[in-house]
Amino acid sequence: MKVLLESVVEWIGKCVAWLVLLMAFVTVIVVARRYIFQAGGEIYLQESVIYMHSLMFMFGLSYAMKHDGHVRVDLFYSRFSPRSKALVDIAGHILFLIPTCLVIAIFSLEYVAASWRVFEGSREVGGIPGVYLLKTVIPITAILLVLQSTLEITRRIGDLHKK
């Protein structure tokens, strides 16, 4: 199960990394249409950049955690022994990250369900009709973070034996 979850997180992270390139490409198209060709910037193209940006960050969170890519205040942490770092990380996951993610997952369910009930779409004419799909990413991201966090806790427990 651990290997499967790590593979899924790795695959998701690599997939959403491509969104950076796609976002840049679509943004160039929107700008070129507007300022070079004097055409309207298609709303669905502009919204697609927002969707890709959201997906990149939301799904990239668990990938960044897996690769220890999150920013942390390193003033004291860098001087800690591997054992102390492991204890701080375990405490951070158990006391802060997991409870926060569970609250987000639980409280976002009604928000997402309400969006699905009406198949919420863009408020803009010609926008993307799948806002409900984008909102679904919120609890999925929270659950992915909880699962990756449990893997990180097990990894850090192994670090407790280091000096």
N, C-alpha and C. Protein backbone atom coordinates (compact mmCIF):
# COMPACT_ATOMS: atom_id res chain seq x y z
N MET A 1 0.83 -1.21 0.00
CA MET A 1 0.00 0.00 0.00
C MET A 1 0.86 1.26 0.00
N LYS A 2 1.94 1.22 0.80
CA LYS A 2 2.84 2.37 0.89
C LYS A 2 3.46 2.67 -0.47
N VAL A 3 3.91 1.62 -1.15
CA VAL A 3 4.54 1.79 -2.46
C VAL A 3 3.52 2.33 -3.47
N LEU A 4 2.30 1.83 -3.41
CA LEU A 4 1.26 2.29 -4.32
C LEU A 4 0.99 3.78 -4.13
N LEU A 5 0.82 4.19 -2.86
CA LEU A 5 0.53 5.60 -2.58
C LEU A 5 1.69 6.48 -3.03
N GLU A 6 2.92 6.07 -2.74
CA GLU A 6 4.06 6.88 -3.17
C GLU A 6 4.14 6.96 -4.68
N SER A 7 3.79 5.88 -5.36
CA SER A 7 3.78 5.88 -6.84
C SER A 7 2.71 6.82 -7.37
N VAL A 8 1.55 6.81 -6.75
CA VAL A 8 0.45 7.69 -7.18
C VAL A 8 0.85 9.15 -6.98
N VAL A 9 1.39 9.48 -5.81
CA VAL A 9 1.81 10.85 -5.53
C VAL A 9 2.90 11.28 -6.50
N GLU A 10 3.83 10.40 -6.78
CA GLU A 10 4.92 10.70 -7.73
C GLU A 10 4.35 10.95 -9.13
N TRP A 11 3.44 10.10 -9.57
CA TRP A 11 2.83 10.23 -10.89
C TRP A 11 2.05 11.54 -11.00
N ILE A 12 1.24 11.84 -9.97
CA ILE A 12 0.45 13.08 -9.98
C ILE A 12 1.39 14.29 -10.04
N GLY A 13 2.45 14.27 -9.24
CA GLY A 13 3.40 15.38 -9.22
C GLY A 13 4.05 15.61 -10.57
N LYS A 14 4.43 14.53 -11.23
CA LYS A 14 5.07 14.67 -12.54
C LYS A 14 4.07 15.14 -13.59
N CYS A 15 2.83 14.71 -13.48
CA CYS A 15 1.80 15.16 -14.43
C CYS A 15 1.53 16.64 -14.28
N VAL A 16 1.33 17.10 -13.04
CA VAL A 16 1.00 18.51 -12.86
C VAL A 16 2.19 19.42 -13.14
N ALA A 17 3.39 18.89 -13.11
CA ALA A 17 4.56 19.70 -13.46
C ALA A 17 4.47 20.18 -14.91
N TRP A 18 3.88 19.38 -15.77
CA TRP A 18 3.70 19.77 -17.16
C TRP A 18 2.72 20.92 -17.31
N LEU A 19 1.89 21.13 -16.31
CA LEU A 19 0.92 22.23 -16.39
C LEU A 19 1.62 23.59 -16.42
N VAL A 20 2.81 23.68 -15.85
CA VAL A 20 3.55 24.95 -15.88
C VAL A 20 3.82 25.35 -17.33
N LEU A 21 4.30 24.41 -18.11
CA LEU A 21 4.57 24.68 -19.52
C LEU A 21 3.29 24.99 -20.27
N LEU A 22 2.26 24.21 -20.02
CA LEU A 22 0.98 24.43 -20.68
C LEU A 22 0.37 25.79 -20.30
N MET A 23 0.49 26.17 -19.02
CA MET A 23 -0.01 27.48 -18.59
C MET A 23 0.70 28.61 -19.33
N ALA A 24 2.02 28.49 -19.45
CA ALA A 24 2.80 29.52 -20.15
C ALA A 24 2.36 29.60 -21.61
N PHE A 25 2.17 28.46 -22.24
CA PHE A 25 1.75 28.42 -23.64
C PHE A 25 0.38 29.07 -23.83
N VAL A 26 -0.58 28.71 -22.98
CA VAL A 26 -1.93 29.27 -23.09
C VAL A 26 -1.91 30.77 -22.80
N THR A 27 -1.11 31.19 -21.84
CA THR A 27 -1.01 32.62 -21.53
C THR A 27 -0.47 33.39 -22.72
N VAL A 28 0.53 32.85 -23.40
CA VAL A 28 1.07 33.49 -24.60
C VAL A 28 -0.02 33.61 -25.66
N ILE A 29 -0.81 32.58 -25.82
CA ILE A 29 -1.91 32.61 -26.81
C ILE A 29 -2.91 33.70 -26.45
N VAL A 30 -3.30 33.79 -25.18
CA VAL A 30 -4.27 34.80 -24.75
C VAL A 30 -3.71 36.20 -25.00
N VAL A 31 -2.46 36.43 -24.64
CA VAL A 31 -1.85 37.75 -24.82
C VAL A 31 -1.71 38.07 -26.30
N ALA A 32 -1.28 37.10 -27.10
CA ALA A 32 -1.13 37.33 -28.55
C ALA A 32 -2.47 37.64 -29.18
N ARG A 33 -3.50 36.90 -28.80
CA ARG A 33 -4.83 37.17 -29.36
C ARG A 33 -5.29 38.59 -29.03
N ARG A 34 -5.04 39.00 -27.81
CA ARG A 34 -5.53 40.30 -27.37
C ARG A 34 -4.72 41.45 -27.96
N TYR A 35 -3.39 41.39 -27.87
CA TYR A 35 -2.57 42.56 -28.21
C TYR A 35 -1.98 42.53 -29.61
N ILE A 36 -1.80 41.37 -30.20
CA ILE A 36 -1.25 41.31 -31.56
C ILE A 36 -2.37 41.24 -32.58
N PHE A 37 -3.34 40.37 -32.35
CA PHE A 37 -4.41 40.16 -33.32
C PHE A 37 -5.67 40.97 -32.99
N GLN A 38 -5.63 41.73 -31.90
CA GLN A 38 -6.77 42.57 -31.49
C GLN A 38 -8.06 41.76 -31.36
N ALA A 39 -7.92 40.49 -31.03
CA ALA A 39 -9.09 39.62 -30.83
C ALA A 39 -9.37 39.53 -29.33
N GLY A 40 -10.57 39.15 -29.02
CA GLY A 40 -10.93 38.99 -27.61
C GLY A 40 -10.16 37.84 -26.98
N GLY A 41 -9.78 38.03 -25.75
CA GLY A 41 -9.15 36.93 -25.01
C GLY A 41 -10.24 35.97 -24.60
N GLU A 42 -10.26 34.83 -25.21
CA GLU A 42 -11.31 33.86 -24.93
C GLU A 42 -11.37 33.56 -23.43
N ILE A 43 -12.55 33.70 -22.86
CA ILE A 43 -12.74 33.51 -21.43
C ILE A 43 -12.32 32.10 -21.01
N TYR A 44 -12.68 31.09 -21.79
CA TYR A 44 -12.35 29.73 -21.40
C TYR A 44 -10.83 29.52 -21.37
N LEU A 45 -10.08 30.21 -22.24
CA LEU A 45 -8.62 30.11 -22.19
C LEU A 45 -8.07 30.75 -20.93
N GLN A 46 -8.59 31.93 -20.60
CA GLN A 46 -8.14 32.61 -19.39
C GLN A 46 -8.47 31.78 -18.15
N GLU A 47 -9.67 31.22 -18.12
CA GLU A 47 -10.05 30.39 -16.97
C GLU A 47 -9.24 29.10 -16.92
N SER A 48 -8.87 28.59 -18.08
CA SER A 48 -8.08 27.35 -18.09
C SER A 48 -6.74 27.56 -17.40
N VAL A 49 -6.18 28.76 -17.52
CA VAL A 49 -4.92 29.06 -16.83
C VAL A 49 -5.15 29.03 -15.32
N ILE A 50 -6.28 29.56 -14.87
CA ILE A 50 -6.60 29.54 -13.44
C ILE A 50 -6.79 28.10 -12.97
N TYR A 51 -7.46 27.29 -13.76
CA TYR A 51 -7.66 25.88 -13.40
C TYR A 51 -6.32 25.15 -13.31
N MET A 52 -5.48 25.35 -14.32
CA MET A 52 -4.18 24.67 -14.32
C MET A 52 -3.33 25.12 -13.14
N HIS A 53 -3.36 26.41 -12.85
CA HIS A 53 -2.62 26.94 -11.71
C HIS A 53 -3.10 26.29 -10.42
N SER A 54 -4.40 26.19 -10.27
CA SER A 54 -4.98 25.57 -9.08
C SER A 54 -4.58 24.10 -8.97
N LEU A 55 -4.70 23.38 -10.05
CA LEU A 55 -4.34 21.96 -10.05
C LEU A 55 -2.87 21.76 -9.75
N MET A 56 -2.04 22.62 -10.31
CA MET A 56 -0.61 22.49 -10.09
C MET A 56 -0.28 22.65 -8.61
N PHE A 57 -0.84 23.65 -7.97
CA PHE A 57 -0.54 23.86 -6.56
C PHE A 57 -1.21 22.84 -5.66
N MET A 58 -2.47 22.57 -5.90
CA MET A 58 -3.20 21.66 -5.01
C MET A 58 -2.63 20.24 -5.08
N PHE A 59 -2.43 19.72 -6.29
CA PHE A 59 -1.92 18.37 -6.42
C PHE A 59 -0.41 18.31 -6.21
N GLY A 60 0.26 19.44 -6.35
CA GLY A 60 1.70 19.47 -6.12
C GLY A 60 2.09 19.47 -4.65
N LEU A 61 1.13 19.74 -3.76
CA LEU A 61 1.44 19.79 -2.34
C LEU A 61 1.98 18.47 -1.80
N SER A 62 1.29 17.38 -2.09
CA SER A 62 1.74 16.08 -1.57
C SER A 62 3.05 15.66 -2.24
N TYR A 63 3.23 16.01 -3.50
CA TYR A 63 4.49 15.72 -4.20
C TYR A 63 5.64 16.48 -3.54
N ALA A 64 5.41 17.76 -3.25
CA ALA A 64 6.45 18.56 -2.59
C ALA A 64 6.78 18.00 -1.21
N MET A 65 5.77 17.53 -0.50
CA MET A 65 6.02 16.94 0.82
C MET A 65 6.85 15.67 0.68
N LYS A 66 6.51 14.86 -0.30
CA LYS A 66 7.22 13.60 -0.52
C LYS A 66 8.71 13.86 -0.78
N HIS A 67 9.00 14.95 -1.46
CA HIS A 67 10.39 15.27 -1.81
C HIS A 67 10.99 16.32 -0.88
N ASP A 68 10.35 16.56 0.26
CA ASP A 68 10.83 17.51 1.26
C ASP A 68 11.10 18.87 0.63
N GLY A 69 10.17 19.30 -0.23
CA GLY A 69 10.34 20.55 -0.96
C GLY A 69 9.62 21.73 -0.37
N HIS A 70 9.03 21.57 0.81
CA HIS A 70 8.32 22.68 1.42
C HIS A 70 9.29 23.63 2.10
N VAL A 71 8.92 24.88 2.12
CA VAL A 71 9.73 25.89 2.79
C VAL A 71 9.45 25.81 4.28
N ARG A 72 10.50 25.85 5.05
CA ARG A 72 10.32 25.87 6.51
C ARG A 72 11.26 26.92 7.08
N VAL A 73 10.94 27.40 8.26
CA VAL A 73 11.81 28.35 8.94
C VAL A 73 13.00 27.55 9.45
N ASP A 74 14.14 27.82 8.88
CA ASP A 74 15.31 26.97 9.11
C ASP A 74 16.27 27.55 10.13
N LEU A 75 15.87 28.56 10.85
CA LEU A 75 16.76 29.22 11.80
C LEU A 75 17.29 28.24 12.85
N PHE A 76 16.40 27.44 13.42
CA PHE A 76 16.81 26.47 14.43
C PHE A 76 16.91 25.06 13.85
N TYR A 77 16.01 24.72 12.98
CA TYR A 77 15.88 23.37 12.44
C TYR A 77 17.18 22.86 11.83
N SER A 78 17.89 23.72 11.11
CA SER A 78 19.12 23.29 10.43
C SER A 78 20.19 22.85 11.42
N ARG A 79 20.13 23.33 12.64
CA ARG A 79 21.13 22.98 13.65
C ARG A 79 20.76 21.74 14.46
N PHE A 80 19.55 21.25 14.26
CA PHE A 80 19.09 20.08 15.02
C PHE A 80 19.77 18.81 14.52
N SER A 81 19.86 17.85 15.42
CA SER A 81 20.34 16.53 15.05
C SER A 81 19.25 15.83 14.22
N PRO A 82 19.61 14.77 13.48
CA PRO A 82 18.57 14.04 12.73
C PRO A 82 17.42 13.57 13.63
N ARG A 83 17.73 13.16 14.84
CA ARG A 83 16.70 12.70 15.78
C ARG A 83 15.76 13.85 16.16
N SER A 84 16.33 15.01 16.46
CA SER A 84 15.50 16.18 16.82
C SER A 84 14.66 16.64 15.63
N LYS A 85 15.25 16.63 14.44
CA LYS A 85 14.50 16.98 13.24
C LYS A 85 13.33 16.03 13.05
N ALA A 86 13.58 14.75 13.27
CA ALA A 86 12.51 13.75 13.12
C ALA A 86 11.39 14.01 14.12
N LEU A 87 11.75 14.33 15.36
CA LEU A 87 10.72 14.61 16.38
C LEU A 87 9.90 15.85 16.02
N VAL A 88 10.57 16.89 15.54
CA VAL A 88 9.87 18.11 15.15
C VAL A 88 8.92 17.82 13.97
N ASP A 89 9.41 17.06 13.00
CA ASP A 89 8.59 16.72 11.84
C ASP A 89 7.38 15.88 12.23
N ILE A 90 7.59 14.88 13.06
CA ILE A 90 6.49 14.02 13.52
C ILE A 90 5.45 14.86 14.26
N ALA A 91 5.92 15.71 15.17
CA ALA A 91 4.99 16.56 15.92
C ALA A 91 4.24 17.49 14.99
N GLY A 92 4.92 18.07 14.01
CA GLY A 92 4.27 18.96 13.06
C GLY A 92 3.18 18.26 12.26
N HIS A 93 3.47 17.04 11.83
CA HIS A 93 2.47 16.28 11.07
C HIS A 93 1.27 15.93 11.94
N ILE A 94 1.55 15.43 13.15
CA ILE A 94 0.46 14.96 14.02
C ILE A 94 -0.36 16.11 14.60
N LEU A 95 0.32 17.17 15.02
CA LEU A 95 -0.38 18.26 15.71
C LEU A 95 -0.97 19.31 14.77
N PHE A 96 -0.36 19.50 13.61
CA PHE A 96 -0.80 20.59 12.75
C PHE A 96 -1.33 20.13 11.38
N LEU A 97 -0.50 19.43 10.64
CA LEU A 97 -0.87 19.13 9.27
C LEU A 97 -2.08 18.20 9.16
N ILE A 98 -2.04 17.07 9.82
CA ILE A 98 -3.15 16.11 9.70
C ILE A 98 -4.46 16.71 10.21
N PRO A 99 -4.49 17.33 11.40
CA PRO A 99 -5.78 17.92 11.83
C PRO A 99 -6.29 19.00 10.87
N THR A 100 -5.39 19.84 10.37
CA THR A 100 -5.80 20.89 9.43
C THR A 100 -6.39 20.29 8.17
N CYS A 101 -5.73 19.26 7.64
CA CYS A 101 -6.21 18.62 6.41
C CYS A 101 -7.55 17.92 6.64
N LEU A 102 -7.72 17.31 7.79
CA LEU A 102 -8.99 16.65 8.09
C LEU A 102 -10.12 17.68 8.19
N VAL A 103 -9.85 18.80 8.81
CA VAL A 103 -10.86 19.87 8.90
C VAL A 103 -11.21 20.38 7.50
N ILE A 104 -10.20 20.60 6.68
CA ILE A 104 -10.44 21.05 5.31
C ILE A 104 -11.27 20.03 4.55
N ALA A 105 -10.89 18.75 4.66
CA ALA A 105 -11.62 17.69 3.94
C ALA A 105 -13.07 17.63 4.39
N ILE A 106 -13.29 17.64 5.68
CA ILE A 106 -14.65 17.50 6.22
C ILE A 106 -15.52 18.71 5.87
N PHE A 107 -14.98 19.90 6.10
CA PHE A 107 -15.78 21.10 5.88
C PHE A 107 -15.94 21.45 4.39
N SER A 108 -15.08 20.91 3.55
CA SER A 108 -15.23 21.20 2.13
C SER A 108 -16.25 20.28 1.45
N LEU A 109 -16.62 19.19 2.10
CA LEU A 109 -17.53 18.23 1.46
C LEU A 109 -18.88 18.85 1.11
N GLU A 110 -19.48 19.61 1.99
CA GLU A 110 -20.77 20.24 1.70
C GLU A 110 -20.61 21.30 0.61
N TYR A 111 -19.53 22.03 0.67
CA TYR A 111 -19.21 23.05 -0.35
C TYR A 111 -19.11 22.40 -1.73
N VAL A 112 -18.41 21.29 -1.80
CA VAL A 112 -18.25 20.57 -3.07
C VAL A 112 -19.57 19.93 -3.49
N ALA A 113 -20.29 19.35 -2.53
CA ALA A 113 -21.57 18.71 -2.85
C ALA A 113 -22.57 19.73 -3.40
N ALA A 114 -22.60 20.92 -2.81
CA ALA A 114 -23.50 21.97 -3.30
C ALA A 114 -23.15 22.34 -4.74
N SER A 115 -21.89 22.38 -5.05
CA SER A 115 -21.46 22.69 -6.40
C SER A 115 -21.84 21.58 -7.37
N TRP A 116 -21.73 20.33 -6.94
CA TRP A 116 -22.12 19.20 -7.79
C TRP A 116 -23.63 19.15 -8.02
N ARG A 117 -24.39 19.53 -6.98
CA ARG A 117 -25.86 19.47 -7.12
C ARG A 117 -26.36 20.31 -8.29
N VAL A 118 -25.70 21.42 -8.54
CA VAL A 118 -26.14 22.31 -9.61
C VAL A 118 -25.18 22.28 -10.81
N PHE A 119 -24.21 21.38 -10.76
CA PHE A 119 -23.17 21.33 -11.80
C PHE A 119 -22.66 22.73 -12.08
N GLU A 120 -22.16 23.35 -11.03
CA GLU A 120 -21.73 24.75 -11.08
C GLU A 120 -20.72 24.98 -12.21
N GLY A 121 -20.98 26.04 -12.92
CA GLY A 121 -20.09 26.43 -14.00
C GLY A 121 -19.57 27.83 -13.78
N SER A 122 -18.89 28.33 -14.75
CA SER A 122 -18.32 29.66 -14.68
C SER A 122 -19.42 30.71 -14.62
N ARG A 123 -19.12 31.80 -13.95
CA ARG A 123 -20.08 32.92 -13.92
C ARG A 123 -19.95 33.77 -15.18
N GLU A 124 -18.89 33.54 -15.92
CA GLU A 124 -18.65 34.30 -17.14
C GLU A 124 -19.26 33.58 -18.35
N VAL A 125 -19.83 34.34 -19.26
CA VAL A 125 -20.35 33.76 -20.50
C VAL A 125 -19.16 33.24 -21.30
N GLY A 126 -19.25 31.99 -21.71
CA GLY A 126 -18.16 31.39 -22.46
C GLY A 126 -17.06 30.81 -21.58
N GLY A 127 -17.32 30.78 -20.28
CA GLY A 127 -16.32 30.23 -19.36
C GLY A 127 -16.42 28.71 -19.27
N ILE A 128 -15.56 28.14 -18.47
CA ILE A 128 -15.53 26.68 -18.31
C ILE A 128 -16.71 26.24 -17.44
N PRO A 129 -17.49 25.28 -17.91
CA PRO A 129 -18.67 24.86 -17.15
C PRO A 129 -18.37 23.83 -16.05
N GLY A 130 -17.12 23.69 -15.63
CA GLY A 130 -16.77 22.64 -14.68
C GLY A 130 -16.21 23.13 -13.36
N VAL A 131 -16.76 24.19 -12.81
CA VAL A 131 -16.29 24.68 -11.52
C VAL A 131 -16.43 23.60 -10.45
N TYR A 132 -17.49 22.81 -10.54
CA TYR A 132 -17.72 21.74 -9.56
C TYR A 132 -16.57 20.73 -9.58
N LEU A 133 -15.97 20.50 -10.74
CA LEU A 133 -14.84 19.59 -10.83
C LEU A 133 -13.61 20.18 -10.15
N LEU A 134 -13.40 21.48 -10.35
CA LEU A 134 -12.26 22.14 -9.72
C LEU A 134 -12.41 22.14 -8.19
N LYS A 135 -13.62 22.38 -7.71
CA LYS A 135 -13.84 22.39 -6.27
C LYS A 135 -13.62 21.00 -5.65
N THR A 136 -13.82 19.95 -6.44
CA THR A 136 -13.63 18.59 -5.96
C THR A 136 -12.17 18.33 -5.59
N VAL A 137 -11.28 19.12 -6.16
CA VAL A 137 -9.86 18.96 -5.87
C VAL A 137 -9.54 19.29 -4.41
N ILE A 138 -10.35 20.11 -3.77
CA ILE A 138 -10.07 20.53 -2.39
C ILE A 138 -10.04 19.34 -1.43
N PRO A 139 -11.10 18.54 -1.31
CA PRO A 139 -11.01 17.42 -0.37
C PRO A 139 -10.03 16.34 -0.84
N ILE A 140 -9.89 16.16 -2.15
CA ILE A 140 -8.92 15.17 -2.65
C ILE A 140 -7.51 15.56 -2.23
N THR A 141 -7.19 16.83 -2.36
CA THR A 141 -5.87 17.31 -1.95
C THR A 141 -5.65 17.10 -0.46
N ALA A 142 -6.66 17.40 0.34
CA ALA A 142 -6.53 17.23 1.79
C ALA A 142 -6.28 15.77 2.14
N ILE A 143 -6.99 14.86 1.50
CA ILE A 143 -6.82 13.43 1.77
C ILE A 143 -5.44 12.97 1.30
N LEU A 144 -5.01 13.41 0.12
CA LEU A 144 -3.67 13.06 -0.35
C LEU A 144 -2.60 13.54 0.62
N LEU A 145 -2.78 14.73 1.17
CA LEU A 145 -1.82 15.25 2.15
C LEU A 145 -1.82 14.42 3.43
N VAL A 146 -2.98 14.01 3.89
CA VAL A 146 -3.05 13.16 5.09
C VAL A 146 -2.32 11.84 4.83
N LEU A 147 -2.59 11.24 3.69
CA LEU A 147 -1.94 9.96 3.37
C LEU A 147 -0.43 10.12 3.24
N GLN A 148 0.01 11.16 2.53
CA GLN A 148 1.45 11.39 2.40
C GLN A 148 2.07 11.73 3.76
N SER A 149 1.32 12.44 4.58
CA SER A 149 1.81 12.78 5.91
C SER A 149 2.04 11.53 6.76
N THR A 150 1.13 10.57 6.65
CA THR A 150 1.34 9.32 7.41
C THR A 150 2.58 8.59 6.92
N LEU A 151 2.83 8.64 5.62
CA LEU A 151 4.07 8.04 5.11
C LEU A 151 5.30 8.78 5.63
N GLU A 152 5.20 10.10 5.71
CA GLU A 152 6.32 10.89 6.23
C GLU A 152 6.56 10.59 7.71
N ILE A 153 5.50 10.40 8.45
CA ILE A 153 5.64 10.06 9.88
C ILE A 153 6.39 8.73 10.02
N THR A 154 6.00 7.73 9.22
CA THR A 154 6.70 6.44 9.31
C THR A 154 8.17 6.59 8.91
N ARG A 155 8.43 7.42 7.92
CA ARG A 155 9.82 7.67 7.51
C ARG A 155 10.60 8.34 8.64
N ARG A 156 9.98 9.31 9.28
CA ARG A 156 10.66 10.04 10.36
C ARG A 156 10.84 9.17 11.60
N ILE A 157 9.94 8.24 11.82
CA ILE A 157 10.12 7.30 12.94
C ILE A 157 11.40 6.50 12.72
N GLY A 158 11.66 6.14 11.48
CA GLY A 158 12.92 5.46 11.15
C GLY A 158 14.12 6.35 11.42
N ASP A 159 13.96 7.67 11.23
CA ASP A 159 15.06 8.61 11.49
C ASP A 159 15.36 8.79 12.98
N LEU A 160 14.40 8.41 13.83
CA LEU A 160 14.61 8.57 15.27
C LEU A 160 15.80 7.74 15.77
N HIS A 161 16.15 6.72 15.03
CA HIS A 161 17.23 5.83 15.46
C HIS A 161 18.61 6.36 15.05
N LYS A 162 18.59 7.46 14.26
CA LYS A 162 19.87 8.07 13.85
C LYS A 162 20.34 9.01 14.94
N LYS A 163 21.61 9.25 15.00
CA LYS A 163 22.15 10.14 16.04
C LYS A 163 22.34 11.53 15.50
